[in-house]
Amino acid sequence: MKNVILILLLTFAIANTSYSQTRIKGNAVYWLLGMPNVSVETALSEHLTVSGELFYSPWKSINRNPLQFLQFNPDVRWYPKGSFNGFYAGAYATIQDYKISKWNYWNRNEYQDGWGYGFGAMLGYQALLTDRWSLDVNAGGGWHFGRYRGYYKDTGKMSVDWNSSGEWLPYRFAISVCYR
């Protein structure tokens, strides 16, 4: 937890020293669900930006299903009207460490503890609210690969040694408040 706080503080410090072509963001949907996150997006050119998001879920149990993970999502975005202006299309990657009950295990006595990575595509829209504030809405999906061990929820004993799975999923959604 101390590392997560340190990374968040460093992100804010870097964003504060950057010029106006950098935005610091928080996904309001995840914050409302009790999952801290921060993202920094900066312009590379007139139409191209890069972004990096750090996302943490501390939930040890939701209806007996663990939902703990730390995830990093870098992405690249192309804005036809210019950086941070209106519609954009993007591509992203993800890497995470997790202890979760996958969606198809919610009603079973098992959870997964492991790591994963993936990539995908997204579409979004960024709207200027004031001179400094904007709203960024996006959704996307892609492929995810996970490598994990399975455990029983009631005893904590291993149910499956190392296992792997890969899925195509719609797993990205954000309504982010942005500040420059």
C-alpha atoms as a PDB file:
ATOM      1  CA  MET A   1       0.000   0.000   0.000  1.00  0.00           C
ATOM      2  CA  LYS A   2       2.875   2.385   0.759  1.00  0.00           C
ATOM      3  CA  ASN A   3       4.222   1.807  -2.761  1.00  0.00           C
ATOM      4  CA  VAL A   4       0.838   2.665  -4.295  1.00  0.00           C
ATOM      5  CA  ILE A   5       0.664   5.926  -2.320  1.00  0.00           C
ATOM      6  CA  LEU A   6       4.248   6.802  -3.304  1.00  0.00           C
ATOM      7  CA  ILE A   7       3.516   6.175  -6.999  1.00  0.00           C
ATOM      8  CA  LEU A   8       0.362   8.322  -6.806  1.00  0.00           C
ATOM      9  CA  LEU A   9       2.269  11.178  -5.150  1.00  0.00           C
ATOM     10  CA  LEU A  10       5.054  11.010  -7.744  1.00  0.00           C
ATOM     11  CA  THR A  11       2.469  11.053 -10.543  1.00  0.00           C
ATOM     12  CA  PHE A  12       0.860  14.194  -9.124  1.00  0.00           C
ATOM     13  CA  ALA A  13       4.280  15.864  -8.720  1.00  0.00           C
ATOM     14  CA  ILE A  14       5.291  15.097 -12.312  1.00  0.00           C
ATOM     15  CA  ALA A  15       1.944  16.320 -13.667  1.00  0.00           C
ATOM     16  CA  ASN A  16       2.193  19.571 -11.690  1.00  0.00           C
ATOM     17  CA  THR A  17       5.593  20.403 -13.168  1.00  0.00           C
ATOM     18  CA  SER A  18       4.471  19.659 -16.742  1.00  0.00           C
ATOM     19  CA  TYR A  19       3.120  22.284 -19.104  1.00  0.00           C
ATOM     20  CA  SER A  20      -0.493  22.660 -20.257  1.00  0.00           C
ATOM     21  CA  GLN A  21      -0.265  19.817 -22.759  1.00  0.00           C
ATOM     22  CA  THR A  22      -0.491  17.320 -19.900  1.00  0.00           C
ATOM     23  CA  ARG A  23      -3.657  16.191 -18.135  1.00  0.00           C
ATOM     24  CA  ILE A  24      -3.986  14.383 -14.821  1.00  0.00           C
ATOM     25  CA  LYS A  25      -7.154  12.275 -14.536  1.00  0.00           C
ATOM     26  CA  GLY A  26      -9.177  10.091 -12.235  1.00  0.00           C
ATOM     27  CA  ASN A  27     -11.811   7.611 -13.409  1.00  0.00           C
ATOM     28  CA  ALA A  28     -14.892   8.654 -11.386  1.00  0.00           C
ATOM     29  CA  VAL A  29     -16.595   5.271 -11.914  1.00  0.00           C
ATOM     30  CA  TYR A  30     -13.718   3.389 -10.250  1.00  0.00           C
ATOM     31  CA  TRP A  31     -13.357   5.968  -7.454  1.00  0.00           C
ATOM     32  CA  LEU A  32     -17.090   5.576  -6.661  1.00  0.00           C
ATOM     33  CA  LEU A  33     -16.523   1.804  -6.433  1.00  0.00           C
ATOM     34  CA  GLY A  34     -13.659   2.359  -3.950  1.00  0.00           C
ATOM     35  CA  MET A  35     -10.891   1.603  -6.445  1.00  0.00           C
ATOM     36  CA  PRO A  36      -8.235   4.373  -6.466  1.00  0.00           C
ATOM     37  CA  ASN A  37      -6.762   5.262  -9.832  1.00  0.00           C
ATOM     38  CA  VAL A  38      -4.762   8.031 -11.453  1.00  0.00           C
ATOM     39  CA  SER A  39      -3.817   8.670 -15.052  1.00  0.00           C
ATOM     40  CA  VAL A  40      -1.541  11.146 -16.809  1.00  0.00           C
ATOM     41  CA  GLU A  41      -1.992  11.969 -20.505  1.00  0.00           C
ATOM     42  CA  THR A  42       0.452  14.121 -22.442  1.00  0.00           C
ATOM     43  CA  ALA A  43       0.604  15.301 -26.045  1.00  0.00           C
ATOM     44  CA  LEU A  44       3.314  13.964 -28.357  1.00  0.00           C
ATOM     45  CA  SER A  45       2.149  15.929 -31.389  1.00  0.00           C
ATOM     46  CA  GLU A  46      -0.818  17.921 -32.639  1.00  0.00           C
ATOM     47  CA  HIS A  47      -3.022  14.797 -32.893  1.00  0.00           C
ATOM     48  CA  LEU A  48      -1.255  12.116 -30.818  1.00  0.00           C
ATOM     49  CA  THR A  49      -1.118  11.607 -27.042  1.00  0.00           C
ATOM     50  CA  VAL A  50       0.170   8.941 -24.674  1.00  0.00           C
ATOM     51  CA  SER A  51      -1.295   8.068 -21.316  1.00  0.00           C
ATOM     52  CA  GLY A  52      -0.464   5.883 -18.350  1.00  0.00           C
ATOM     53  CA  GLU A  53      -2.994   4.761 -15.741  1.00  0.00           C
ATOM     54  CA  LEU A  54      -2.350   3.142 -12.365  1.00  0.00           C
ATOM     55  CA  PHE A  55      -5.394   1.366 -10.952  1.00  0.00           C
ATOM     56  CA  TYR A  56      -5.736  -0.385  -7.577  1.00  0.00           C
ATOM     57  CA  SER A  57      -8.557  -2.487  -6.119  1.00  0.00           C
ATOM     58  CA  PRO A  58      -8.233  -3.245  -2.386  1.00  0.00           C
ATOM     59  CA  TRP A  59     -11.367  -5.396  -2.008  1.00  0.00           C
ATOM     60  CA  LYS A  60     -10.600  -8.606  -0.107  1.00  0.00           C
ATOM     61  CA  SER A  61     -14.174  -9.835  -0.477  1.00  0.00           C
ATOM     62  CA  ILE A  62     -17.299  -8.883  -2.383  1.00  0.00           C
ATOM     63  CA  ASN A  63     -19.884 -11.599  -1.660  1.00  0.00           C
ATOM     64  CA  ARG A  64     -16.995 -13.949  -0.750  1.00  0.00           C
ATOM     65  CA  ASN A  65     -15.203 -13.115  -4.029  1.00  0.00           C
ATOM     66  CA  PRO A  66     -11.789 -11.429  -3.757  1.00  0.00           C
ATOM     67  CA  LEU A  67     -11.222  -8.461  -6.067  1.00  0.00           C
ATOM     68  CA  GLN A  68      -7.675  -7.325  -5.275  1.00  0.00           C
ATOM     69  CA  PHE A  69      -5.363  -6.148  -8.019  1.00  0.00           C
ATOM     70  CA  LEU A  70      -2.806  -3.580  -9.078  1.00  0.00           C
ATOM     71  CA  GLN A  71      -2.889  -2.702 -12.771  1.00  0.00           C
ATOM     72  CA  PHE A  72      -0.907  -0.440 -15.102  1.00  0.00           C
ATOM     73  CA  ASN A  73      -2.406   0.618 -18.454  1.00  0.00           C
ATOM     74  CA  PRO A  74      -0.348   2.597 -20.979  1.00  0.00           C
ATOM     75  CA  ASP A  75      -2.177   3.786 -24.093  1.00  0.00           C
ATOM     76  CA  VAL A  76      -1.783   5.882 -27.216  1.00  0.00           C
ATOM     77  CA  ARG A  77      -4.607   8.058 -28.613  1.00  0.00           C
ATOM     78  CA  TRP A  78      -5.203   9.755 -31.946  1.00  0.00           C
ATOM     79  CA  TYR A  79      -7.480  12.831 -31.996  1.00  0.00           C
ATOM     80  CA  PRO A  80      -8.605  13.893 -35.529  1.00  0.00           C
ATOM     81  CA  LYS A  81      -9.408  17.489 -34.372  1.00  0.00           C
ATOM     82  CA  GLY A  82      -6.236  17.885 -32.303  1.00  0.00           C
ATOM     83  CA  SER A  83      -4.954  16.569 -28.974  1.00  0.00           C
ATOM     84  CA  PHE A  84      -7.482  16.562 -26.120  1.00  0.00           C
ATOM     85  CA  ASN A  85     -10.235  17.770 -28.471  1.00  0.00           C
ATOM     86  CA  GLY A  86     -13.341  15.651 -29.062  1.00  0.00           C
ATOM     87  CA  PHE A  87     -13.426  12.135 -30.495  1.00  0.00           C
ATOM     88  CA  TYR A  88     -10.394   9.840 -30.358  1.00  0.00           C
ATOM     89  CA  ALA A  89      -9.409   6.262 -31.139  1.00  0.00           C
ATOM     90  CA  GLY A  90      -6.696   4.481 -29.231  1.00  0.00           C
ATOM     91  CA  ALA A  91      -4.786   1.331 -28.462  1.00  0.00           C
ATOM     92  CA  TYR A  92      -3.667   0.194 -25.032  1.00  0.00           C
ATOM     93  CA  ALA A  93      -1.779  -2.466 -23.156  1.00  0.00           C
ATOM     94  CA  THR A  94      -2.314  -3.708 -19.614  1.00  0.00           C
ATOM     95  CA  ILE A  95      -0.315  -5.576 -17.020  1.00  0.00           C
ATOM     96  CA  GLN A  96      -1.576  -6.604 -13.598  1.00  0.00           C
ATOM     97  CA  ASP A  97      -1.042  -8.643 -10.469  1.00  0.00           C
ATOM     98  CA  TYR A  98      -4.259 -10.018  -9.016  1.00  0.00           C
ATOM     99  CA  LYS A  99      -6.156 -12.108  -6.500  1.00  0.00           C
ATOM    100  CA  ILE A 100      -9.683 -12.328  -7.894  1.00  0.00           C
ATOM    101  CA  SER A 101     -12.610 -14.586  -8.621  1.00  0.00           C
ATOM    102  CA  LYS A 102     -12.918 -14.543 -12.392  1.00  0.00           C
ATOM    103  CA  TRP A 103     -16.437 -13.790 -13.657  1.00  0.00           C
ATOM    104  CA  ASN A 104     -17.141 -17.471 -14.420  1.00  0.00           C
ATOM    105  CA  TYR A 105     -16.091 -18.475 -10.848  1.00  0.00           C
ATOM    106  CA  TRP A 106     -18.365 -16.108  -8.882  1.00  0.00           C
ATOM    107  CA  ASN A 107     -20.694 -18.934  -7.793  1.00  0.00           C
ATOM    108  CA  ARG A 108     -17.915 -21.445  -7.159  1.00  0.00           C
ATOM    109  CA  ASN A 109     -15.693 -21.988  -4.142  1.00  0.00           C
ATOM    110  CA  GLU A 110     -12.526 -20.912  -5.998  1.00  0.00           C
ATOM    111  CA  TYR A 111     -10.449 -17.830  -6.763  1.00  0.00           C
ATOM    112  CA  GLN A 112      -7.337 -17.104  -8.832  1.00  0.00           C
ATOM    113  CA  ASP A 113      -4.036 -15.584  -7.667  1.00  0.00           C
ATOM    114  CA  GLY A 114      -1.636 -14.573 -10.425  1.00  0.00           C
ATOM    115  CA  TRP A 115      -0.637 -12.037 -13.046  1.00  0.00           C
ATOM    116  CA  GLY A 116      -1.773 -11.040 -16.489  1.00  0.00           C
ATOM    117  CA  TYR A 117      -1.221  -8.858 -19.514  1.00  0.00           C
ATOM    118  CA  GLY A 118      -3.208  -7.814 -22.523  1.00  0.00           C
ATOM    119  CA  PHE A 119      -3.903  -5.312 -25.266  1.00  0.00           C
ATOM    120  CA  GLY A 120      -6.917  -3.746 -26.879  1.00  0.00           C
ATOM    121  CA  ALA A 121      -8.578  -0.858 -28.663  1.00  0.00           C
ATOM    122  CA  MET A 122     -10.816   1.930 -27.427  1.00  0.00           C
ATOM    123  CA  LEU A 123     -12.981   4.795 -28.609  1.00  0.00           C
ATOM    124  CA  GLY A 124     -13.583   7.920 -26.585  1.00  0.00           C
ATOM    125  CA  TYR A 125     -14.515  11.554 -26.402  1.00  0.00           C
ATOM    126  CA  GLN A 126     -12.877  14.333 -24.412  1.00  0.00           C
ATOM    127  CA  ALA A 127     -14.952  17.475 -23.769  1.00  0.00           C
ATOM    128  CA  LEU A 128     -13.605  20.743 -22.375  1.00  0.00           C
ATOM    129  CA  LEU A 129     -15.655  21.927 -19.368  1.00  0.00           C
ATOM    130  CA  THR A 130     -13.597  24.994 -18.395  1.00  0.00           C
ATOM    131  CA  ASP A 131     -10.150  26.329 -19.215  1.00  0.00           C
ATOM    132  CA  ARG A 132      -8.553  23.746 -16.888  1.00  0.00           C
ATOM    133  CA  TRP A 133     -11.170  20.989 -16.472  1.00  0.00           C
ATOM    134  CA  SER A 134     -12.431  18.427 -18.989  1.00  0.00           C
ATOM    135  CA  LEU A 135     -14.365  15.164 -19.086  1.00  0.00           C
ATOM    136  CA  ASP A 136     -13.021  12.055 -20.827  1.00  0.00           C
ATOM    137  CA  VAL A 137     -15.408   9.180 -21.612  1.00  0.00           C
ATOM    138  CA  ASN A 138     -14.119   5.991 -23.252  1.00  0.00           C
ATOM    139  CA  ALA A 139     -14.871   2.306 -23.707  1.00  0.00           C
ATOM    140  CA  GLY A 140     -12.962  -0.553 -25.242  1.00  0.00           C
ATOM    141  CA  GLY A 141     -12.081  -4.181 -25.183  1.00  0.00           C
ATOM    142  CA  GLY A 142      -9.361  -6.567 -26.101  1.00  0.00           C
ATOM    143  CA  TRP A 143      -7.472  -9.722 -25.355  1.00  0.00           C
ATOM    144  CA  HIS A 144      -6.236 -10.677 -21.899  1.00  0.00           C
ATOM    145  CA  PHE A 145      -3.866 -13.484 -20.905  1.00  0.00           C
ATOM    146  CA  GLY A 146      -3.702 -14.619 -17.294  1.00  0.00           C
ATOM    147  CA  ARG A 147      -1.335 -16.990 -15.490  1.00  0.00           C
ATOM    148  CA  TYR A 148      -2.534 -18.007 -12.039  1.00  0.00           C
ATOM    149  CA  ARG A 149      -2.949 -20.615  -9.348  1.00  0.00           C
ATOM    150  CA  GLY A 150      -6.423 -21.587  -8.175  1.00  0.00           C
ATOM    151  CA  TYR A 151      -7.373 -21.697  -4.470  1.00  0.00           C
ATOM    152  CA  TYR A 152     -10.450 -22.726  -2.489  1.00  0.00           C
ATOM    153  CA  LYS A 153     -12.165 -19.770  -0.832  1.00  0.00           C
ATOM    154  CA  ASP A 154     -13.160 -21.614   2.336  1.00  0.00           C
ATOM    155  CA  THR A 155      -9.796 -23.265   3.146  1.00  0.00           C
ATOM    156  CA  GLY A 156      -7.223 -21.277   1.139  1.00  0.00           C
ATOM    157  CA  LYS A 157      -5.735 -24.572  -0.089  1.00  0.00           C
ATOM    158  CA  MET A 158      -4.537 -24.783  -3.675  1.00  0.00           C
ATOM    159  CA  SER A 159      -7.090 -26.255  -6.081  1.00  0.00           C
ATOM    160  CA  VAL A 160      -5.090 -25.841  -9.301  1.00  0.00           C
ATOM    161  CA  ASP A 161      -1.368 -25.402  -9.787  1.00  0.00           C
ATOM    162  CA  TRP A 162      -0.256 -22.935 -12.461  1.00  0.00           C
ATOM    163  CA  ASN A 163      -2.937 -22.486 -15.086  1.00  0.00           C
ATOM    164  CA  SER A 164      -3.402 -20.065 -17.964  1.00  0.00           C
ATOM    165  CA  SER A 165      -6.327 -18.556 -19.791  1.00  0.00           C
ATOM    166  CA  GLY A 166      -6.856 -16.059 -22.566  1.00  0.00           C
ATOM    167  CA  GLU A 167     -10.066 -14.200 -23.286  1.00  0.00           C
ATOM    168  CA  TRP A 168     -11.396 -11.495 -25.580  1.00  0.00           C
ATOM    169  CA  LEU A 169     -13.410  -9.176 -23.319  1.00  0.00           C
ATOM    170  CA  PRO A 170     -15.061  -5.752 -23.274  1.00  0.00           C
ATOM    171  CA  TYR A 171     -13.177  -4.646 -20.157  1.00  0.00           C
ATOM    172  CA  ARG A 172     -12.415  -0.949 -20.397  1.00  0.00           C
ATOM    173  CA  PHE A 173     -14.824   1.821 -19.395  1.00  0.00           C
ATOM    174  CA  ALA A 174     -14.021   5.254 -18.004  1.00  0.00           C
ATOM    175  CA  ILE A 175     -15.701   8.512 -17.138  1.00  0.00           C
ATOM    176  CA  SER A 176     -12.670  10.522 -16.099  1.00  0.00           C
ATOM    177  CA  VAL A 177     -12.407  13.993 -14.647  1.00  0.00           C
ATOM    178  CA  CYS A 178      -9.309  15.698 -16.110  1.00  0.00           C
ATOM    179  CA  TYR A 179      -7.236  18.638 -14.913  1.00  0.00           C
ATOM    180  CA  ARG A 180      -4.467  20.508 -16.726  1.00  0.00           C
END
